[in-house]
PDB file of N, CA and C in Angstrom:
ATOM      1  N   UNK A   1       9.474 -14.898  -4.395  1.00  0.00           N
ATOM      2  CA  UNK A   1       8.105 -14.679  -4.206  1.00  0.00           C
ATOM      3  C   UNK A   1       7.564 -13.315  -4.603  1.00  0.00           C
ATOM      4  N   UNK A   2       6.330 -13.382  -5.021  1.00  0.00           N
ATOM      5  CA  UNK A   2       5.860 -11.919  -5.472  1.00  0.00           C
ATOM      6  C   UNK A   2       5.877 -10.925  -4.372  1.00  0.00           C
ATOM      7  N   UNK A   3       6.103  -9.683  -4.655  1.00  0.00           N
ATOM      8  CA  UNK A   3       6.381  -8.655  -3.885  1.00  0.00           C
ATOM      9  C   UNK A   3       4.915  -8.248  -3.063  1.00  0.00           C
ATOM     10  N   UNK A   4       3.793  -8.672  -3.639  1.00  0.00           N
ATOM     11  CA  UNK A   4       2.496  -8.358  -2.947  1.00  0.00           C
ATOM     12  C   UNK A   4       2.104  -9.520  -1.886  1.00  0.00           C
ATOM     13  N   UNK A   5       2.878 -10.590  -1.668  1.00  0.00           N
ATOM     14  CA  UNK A   5       2.571 -11.585  -0.845  1.00  0.00           C
ATOM     15  C   UNK A   5       2.476 -11.159   0.508  1.00  0.00           C
ATOM     16  N   UNK A   6       1.311 -11.463   1.248  1.00  0.00           N
ATOM     17  CA  UNK A   6       0.990 -11.026   2.522  1.00  0.00           C
ATOM     18  C   UNK A   6       0.308  -9.653   2.788  1.00  0.00           C
ATOM     19  N   UNK A   7       0.172  -8.918   1.448  1.00  0.00           N
ATOM     20  CA  UNK A   7      -0.652  -7.830   1.582  1.00  0.00           C
ATOM     21  C   UNK A   7      -1.920  -7.956   1.191  1.00  0.00           C
ATOM     22  N   UNK A   8      -2.893  -7.393   1.858  1.00  0.00           N
ATOM     23  CA  UNK A   8      -4.280  -7.548   1.620  1.00  0.00           C
ATOM     24  C   UNK A   8      -4.966  -6.318   1.461  1.00  0.00           C
ATOM     25  N   UNK A   9      -6.098  -6.239   0.941  1.00  0.00           N
ATOM     26  CA  UNK A   9      -6.960  -4.948   0.841  1.00  0.00           C
ATOM     27  C   UNK A   9      -7.384  -4.684   2.278  1.00  0.00           C
ATOM     28  N   UNK A  10      -7.237  -3.347   2.442  1.00  0.00           N
ATOM     29  CA  UNK A  10      -7.644  -2.986   4.022  1.00  0.00           C
ATOM     30  C   UNK A  10      -6.526  -2.830   4.844  1.00  0.00           C
ATOM     31  N   UNK A  11      -5.322  -3.477   4.472  1.00  0.00           N
ATOM     32  CA  UNK A  11      -4.045  -3.314   5.274  1.00  0.00           C
ATOM     33  C   UNK A  11      -3.809  -1.846   5.473  1.00  0.00           C
ATOM     34  N   UNK A  12      -3.046  -1.484   6.650  1.00  0.00           N
ATOM     35  CA  UNK A  12      -2.501  -0.288   6.822  1.00  0.00           C
ATOM     36  C   UNK A  12      -1.058  -0.463   6.440  1.00  0.00           C
ATOM     37  N   UNK A  13      -0.563   0.286   5.618  1.00  0.00           N
ATOM     38  CA  UNK A  13       0.946   0.037   5.239  1.00  0.00           C
ATOM     39  C   UNK A  13       1.752   1.392   5.390  1.00  0.00           C
ATOM     40  N   UNK A  14       2.992   1.315   5.284  1.00  0.00           N
ATOM     41  CA  UNK A  14       3.852   2.473   5.275  1.00  0.00           C
ATOM     42  C   UNK A  14       4.643   2.456   4.039  1.00  0.00           C
ATOM     43  N   UNK A  15       4.582   3.493   3.310  1.00  0.00           N
ATOM     44  CA  UNK A  15       5.453   3.569   2.011  1.00  0.00           C
ATOM     45  C   UNK A  15       7.019   3.681   2.576  1.00  0.00           C
ATOM     46  N   UNK A  16       7.821   2.786   2.016  1.00  0.00           N
ATOM     47  CA  UNK A  16       9.158   2.789   2.365  1.00  0.00           C
ATOM     48  C   UNK A  16      10.047   3.241   1.231  1.00  0.00           C
ATOM     49  N   UNK A  17       9.505   3.573   0.116  1.00  0.00           N
ATOM     50  CA  UNK A  17      10.445   4.138  -0.997  1.00  0.00           C
ATOM     51  C   UNK A  17       9.579   5.098  -1.842  1.00  0.00           C
ATOM     52  N   UNK A  18      10.438   5.909  -2.620  1.00  0.00           N
ATOM     53  CA  UNK A  18       9.746   6.655  -3.653  1.00  0.00           C
ATOM     54  C   UNK A  18       9.312   7.940  -2.994  1.00  0.00           C
ATOM     55  N   UNK A  19       8.606   8.814  -3.746  1.00  0.00           N
ATOM     56  CA  UNK A  19       8.381  10.146  -3.243  1.00  0.00           C
ATOM     57  C   UNK A  19       7.358  10.249  -2.064  1.00  0.00           C
ATOM     58  N   UNK A  20       6.556   9.265  -1.684  1.00  0.00           N
ATOM     59  CA  UNK A  20       5.682   9.183  -0.566  1.00  0.00           C
ATOM     60  C   UNK A  20       6.332   8.394   0.524  1.00  0.00           C
ATOM     61  N   UNK A  21       7.617   8.225   0.572  1.00  0.00           N
ATOM     62  CA  UNK A  21       8.319   7.516   1.698  1.00  0.00           C
ATOM     63  C   UNK A  21       7.890   8.072   3.070  1.00  0.00           C
ATOM     64  N   UNK A  22       7.673   7.281   3.983  1.00  0.00           N
ATOM     65  CA  UNK A  22       7.337   7.629   5.231  1.00  0.00           C
ATOM     66  C   UNK A  22       5.787   7.785   5.387  1.00  0.00           C
ATOM     67  N   UNK A  23       5.100   8.003   4.347  1.00  0.00           N
ATOM     68  CA  UNK A  23       3.575   8.056   4.486  1.00  0.00           C
ATOM     69  C   UNK A  23       2.879   6.634   4.808  1.00  0.00           C
ATOM     70  N   UNK A  24       1.894   6.893   5.634  1.00  0.00           N
ATOM     71  CA  UNK A  24       0.921   5.814   5.996  1.00  0.00           C
ATOM     72  C   UNK A  24      -0.230   5.745   5.008  1.00  0.00           C
ATOM     73  N   UNK A  25      -0.740   4.688   4.664  1.00  0.00           N
ATOM     74  CA  UNK A  25      -1.898   4.510   3.763  1.00  0.00           C
ATOM     75  C   UNK A  25      -2.545   3.237   3.892  1.00  0.00           C
ATOM     76  N   UNK A  26      -3.833   3.212   3.314  1.00  0.00           N
ATOM     77  CA  UNK A  26      -4.589   1.937   3.333  1.00  0.00           C
ATOM     78  C   UNK A  26      -4.689   1.333   1.849  1.00  0.00           C
ATOM     79  N   UNK A  27      -4.384   0.022   2.010  1.00  0.00           N
ATOM     80  CA  UNK A  27      -4.451  -0.711   0.637  1.00  0.00           C
ATOM     81  C   UNK A  27      -5.870  -0.793   0.086  1.00  0.00           C
ATOM     82  N   UNK A  28      -6.022  -0.303  -1.093  1.00  0.00           N
ATOM     83  CA  UNK A  28      -7.327  -0.307  -1.679  1.00  0.00           C
ATOM     84  C   UNK A  28      -7.387  -1.456  -2.797  1.00  0.00           C
ATOM     85  N   UNK A  29      -6.270  -1.747  -3.548  1.00  0.00           N
ATOM     86  CA  UNK A  29      -6.384  -2.775  -4.537  1.00  0.00           C
ATOM     87  C   UNK A  29      -5.049  -3.372  -4.670  1.00  0.00           C
ATOM     88  N   UNK A  30      -5.015  -4.683  -5.067  1.00  0.00           N
ATOM     89  CA  UNK A  30      -3.671  -5.290  -5.308  1.00  0.00           C
ATOM     90  C   UNK A  30      -3.882  -5.879  -6.731  1.00  0.00           C
ATOM     91  N   UNK A  31      -2.729  -5.564  -7.473  1.00  0.00           N
ATOM     92  CA  UNK A  31      -2.438  -6.138  -8.946  1.00  0.00           C
ATOM     93  C   UNK A  31      -1.378  -7.217  -8.699  1.00  0.00           C
ATOM     94  N   UNK A  32      -1.855  -8.510  -8.773  1.00  0.00           N
ATOM     95  CA  UNK A  32      -0.991  -9.633  -8.499  1.00  0.00           C
ATOM     96  C   UNK A  32       0.065  -9.701  -9.689  1.00  0.00           C
ATOM     97  N   UNK A  33      -0.455  -9.444 -10.885  1.00  0.00           N
ATOM     98  CA  UNK A  33       0.280  -9.624 -12.090  1.00  0.00           C
ATOM     99  C   UNK A  33       1.349  -8.587 -12.275  1.00  0.00           C
ATOM    100  N   UNK A  34       1.097  -7.351 -11.886  1.00  0.00           N
ATOM    101  CA  UNK A  34       2.185  -6.321 -12.017  1.00  0.00           C
ATOM    102  C   UNK A  34       2.865  -6.217 -10.771  1.00  0.00           C
ATOM    103  N   UNK A  35       2.402  -6.916  -9.610  1.00  0.00           N
ATOM    104  CA  UNK A  35       3.065  -6.732  -8.320  1.00  0.00           C
ATOM    105  C   UNK A  35       3.036  -5.402  -7.922  1.00  0.00           C
ATOM    106  N   UNK A  36       1.892  -4.841  -8.075  1.00  0.00           N
ATOM    107  CA  UNK A  36       1.584  -3.387  -7.590  1.00  0.00           C
ATOM    108  C   UNK A  36       0.371  -3.336  -6.608  1.00  0.00           C
ATOM    109  N   UNK A  37       0.498  -2.374  -5.777  1.00  0.00           N
ATOM    110  CA  UNK A  37      -0.688  -2.184  -4.769  1.00  0.00           C
ATOM    111  C   UNK A  37      -1.095  -0.580  -5.082  1.00  0.00           C
ATOM    112  N   UNK A  38      -2.343  -0.517  -5.136  1.00  0.00           N
ATOM    113  CA  UNK A  38      -2.990   0.812  -5.017  1.00  0.00           C
ATOM    114  C   UNK A  38      -3.387   1.269  -3.476  1.00  0.00           C
ATOM    115  N   UNK A  39      -2.825   2.319  -3.121  1.00  0.00           N
ATOM    116  CA  UNK A  39      -3.112   2.790  -1.736  1.00  0.00           C
ATOM    117  C   UNK A  39      -3.636   4.190  -1.738  1.00  0.00           C
ATOM    118  N   UNK A  40      -4.398   4.462  -0.639  1.00  0.00           N
ATOM    119  CA  UNK A  40      -4.795   5.838  -0.369  1.00  0.00           C
ATOM    120  C   UNK A  40      -4.031   6.397   0.829  1.00  0.00           C
ATOM    121  N   UNK A  41      -3.466   7.469   0.667  1.00  0.00           N
ATOM    122  CA  UNK A  41      -2.646   8.071   1.796  1.00  0.00           C
ATOM    123  C   UNK A  41      -3.531   8.680   2.794  1.00  0.00           C
ATOM    124  N   UNK A  42      -3.223   8.555   4.100  1.00  0.00           N
ATOM    125  CA  UNK A  42      -4.010   9.130   5.066  1.00  0.00           C
ATOM    126  C   UNK A  42      -3.743  10.609   5.231  1.00  0.00           C
ATOM    127  N   UNK A  43      -2.540  11.061   4.945  1.00  0.00           N
ATOM    128  CA  UNK A  43      -2.305  12.600   5.248  1.00  0.00           C
ATOM    129  C   UNK A  43      -2.720  13.493   4.219  1.00  0.00           C
ATOM    130  N   UNK A  44      -3.198  12.790   2.984  1.00  0.00           N
ATOM    131  CA  UNK A  44      -3.482  13.763   1.834  1.00  0.00           C
ATOM    132  C   UNK A  44      -4.879  14.373   2.129  1.00  0.00           C
ATOM    133  N   UNK A  45      -4.907  15.680   1.710  1.00  0.00           N
ATOM    134  CA  UNK A  45      -6.101  16.563   2.052  1.00  0.00           C
ATOM    135  C   UNK A  45      -7.303  15.844   1.191  1.00  0.00           C
ATOM    136  N   UNK A  46      -6.995  15.483   0.030  1.00  0.00           N
ATOM    137  CA  UNK A  46      -8.009  14.822  -0.744  1.00  0.00           C
ATOM    138  C   UNK A  46      -7.549  13.431  -1.013  1.00  0.00           C
ATOM    139  N   UNK A  47      -8.294  12.332  -0.561  1.00  0.00           N
ATOM    140  CA  UNK A  47      -7.880  11.042  -0.796  1.00  0.00           C
ATOM    141  C   UNK A  47      -7.634  10.622  -2.216  1.00  0.00           C
ATOM    142  N   UNK A  48      -6.485  10.564  -2.657  1.00  0.00           N
ATOM    143  CA  UNK A  48      -6.175  10.197  -4.048  1.00  0.00           C
ATOM    144  C   UNK A  48      -5.409   8.760  -4.087  1.00  0.00           C
ATOM    145  N   UNK A  49      -5.986   7.896  -4.919  1.00  0.00           N
ATOM    146  CA  UNK A  49      -5.377   6.435  -4.929  1.00  0.00           C
ATOM    147  C   UNK A  49      -4.011   6.707  -5.671  1.00  0.00           C
ATOM    148  N   UNK A  50      -3.011   6.146  -5.102  1.00  0.00           N
ATOM    149  CA  UNK A  50      -1.667   6.177  -5.743  1.00  0.00           C
ATOM    150  C   UNK A  50      -1.215   4.573  -5.922  1.00  0.00           C
ATOM    151  N   UNK A  51      -0.577   4.271  -7.042  1.00  0.00           N
ATOM    152  CA  UNK A  51      -0.167   2.908  -7.199  1.00  0.00           C
ATOM    153  C   UNK A  51       1.319   2.762  -7.049  1.00  0.00           C
ATOM    154  N   UNK A  52       1.670   1.860  -6.187  1.00  0.00           N
ATOM    155  CA  UNK A  52       3.245   1.831  -5.905  1.00  0.00           C
ATOM    156  C   UNK A  52       3.608   0.366  -6.005  1.00  0.00           C
ATOM    157  N   UNK A  53       4.904   0.108  -6.195  1.00  0.00           N
ATOM    158  CA  UNK A  53       5.211  -1.247  -6.243  1.00  0.00           C
ATOM    159  C   UNK A  53       5.124  -2.022  -4.904  1.00  0.00           C
ATOM    160  N   UNK A  54       4.788  -3.304  -5.048  1.00  0.00           N
ATOM    161  CA  UNK A  54       4.596  -4.072  -3.869  1.00  0.00           C
ATOM    162  C   UNK A  54       5.817  -4.123  -2.922  1.00  0.00           C
ATOM    163  N   UNK A  55       6.913  -3.903  -3.388  1.00  0.00           N
ATOM    164  CA  UNK A  55       8.075  -3.992  -2.452  1.00  0.00           C
ATOM    165  C   UNK A  55       8.415  -2.605  -1.954  1.00  0.00           C
ATOM    166  N   UNK A  56       7.554  -1.640  -2.202  1.00  0.00           N
ATOM    167  CA  UNK A  56       7.839  -0.280  -1.806  1.00  0.00           C
ATOM    168  C   UNK A  56       6.840   0.061  -0.532  1.00  0.00           C
ATOM    169  N   UNK A  57       6.087  -1.009  -0.130  1.00  0.00           N
ATOM    170  CA  UNK A  57       5.303  -0.920   1.095  1.00  0.00           C
ATOM    171  C   UNK A  57       5.580  -1.833   2.138  1.00  0.00           C
ATOM    172  N   UNK A  58       5.353  -1.597   3.297  1.00  0.00           N
ATOM    173  CA  UNK A  58       5.513  -2.433   4.467  1.00  0.00           C
ATOM    174  C   UNK A  58       4.366  -2.480   5.281  1.00  0.00           C
ATOM    175  N   UNK A  59       3.708  -3.663   5.597  1.00  0.00           N
ATOM    176  CA  UNK A  59       2.498  -3.781   6.187  1.00  0.00           C
ATOM    177  C   UNK A  59       2.716  -3.505   7.770  1.00  0.00           C
ATOM    178  N   UNK A  60       1.844  -2.412   8.231  1.00  0.00           N
ATOM    179  CA  UNK A  60       1.943  -2.146   9.608  1.00  0.00           C
ATOM    180  C   UNK A  60       0.645  -2.823  10.385  1.00  0.00           C
ATOM    181  N   UNK A  61      -0.411  -2.950   9.764  1.00  0.00           N
ATOM    182  CA  UNK A  61      -1.557  -3.520  10.431  1.00  0.00           C
ATOM    183  C   UNK A  61      -2.447  -4.374   9.509  1.00  0.00           C
ATOM    184  N   UNK A  62      -2.831  -5.503   9.951  1.00  0.00           N
ATOM    185  CA  UNK A  62      -3.762  -6.198   9.051  1.00  0.00           C
ATOM    186  C   UNK A  62      -5.234  -5.858   9.420  1.00  0.00           C
ATOM    187  N   UNK A  63      -5.998  -5.932   8.578  1.00  0.00           N
ATOM    188  CA  UNK A  63      -7.526  -5.735   8.773  1.00  0.00           C
ATOM    189  C   UNK A  63      -7.941  -6.893   9.730  1.00  0.00           C
ATOM    190  N   UNK A  64      -8.669  -6.506  10.690  1.00  0.00           N
ATOM    191  CA  UNK A  64      -9.223  -7.473  11.665  1.00  0.00           C
ATOM    192  C   UNK A  64     -10.728  -7.730  11.173  1.00  0.00           C
ATOM    193  N   UNK A  65     -10.991  -8.952  10.873  1.00  0.00           N
ATOM    194  CA  UNK A  65     -12.251  -9.394  10.435  1.00  0.00           C
ATOM    195  C   UNK A  65     -13.238  -9.761  11.782  1.00  0.00           C
TER     196      UNK A  65
END
């Protein structure tokens, strides 16, 4: 299954691999074709969108509609 399955824009995720491991972020955009997600880190002084592989994030919270 694609790595981005179950991830939606607005979800709160934790980065579980790479240089931002342990950081919490909000999902901004999802690229189904590349299986990547663009997230914005909460801890960053300036909100910078970073793109990580879909299997490098774990969903903590779903957006409540």
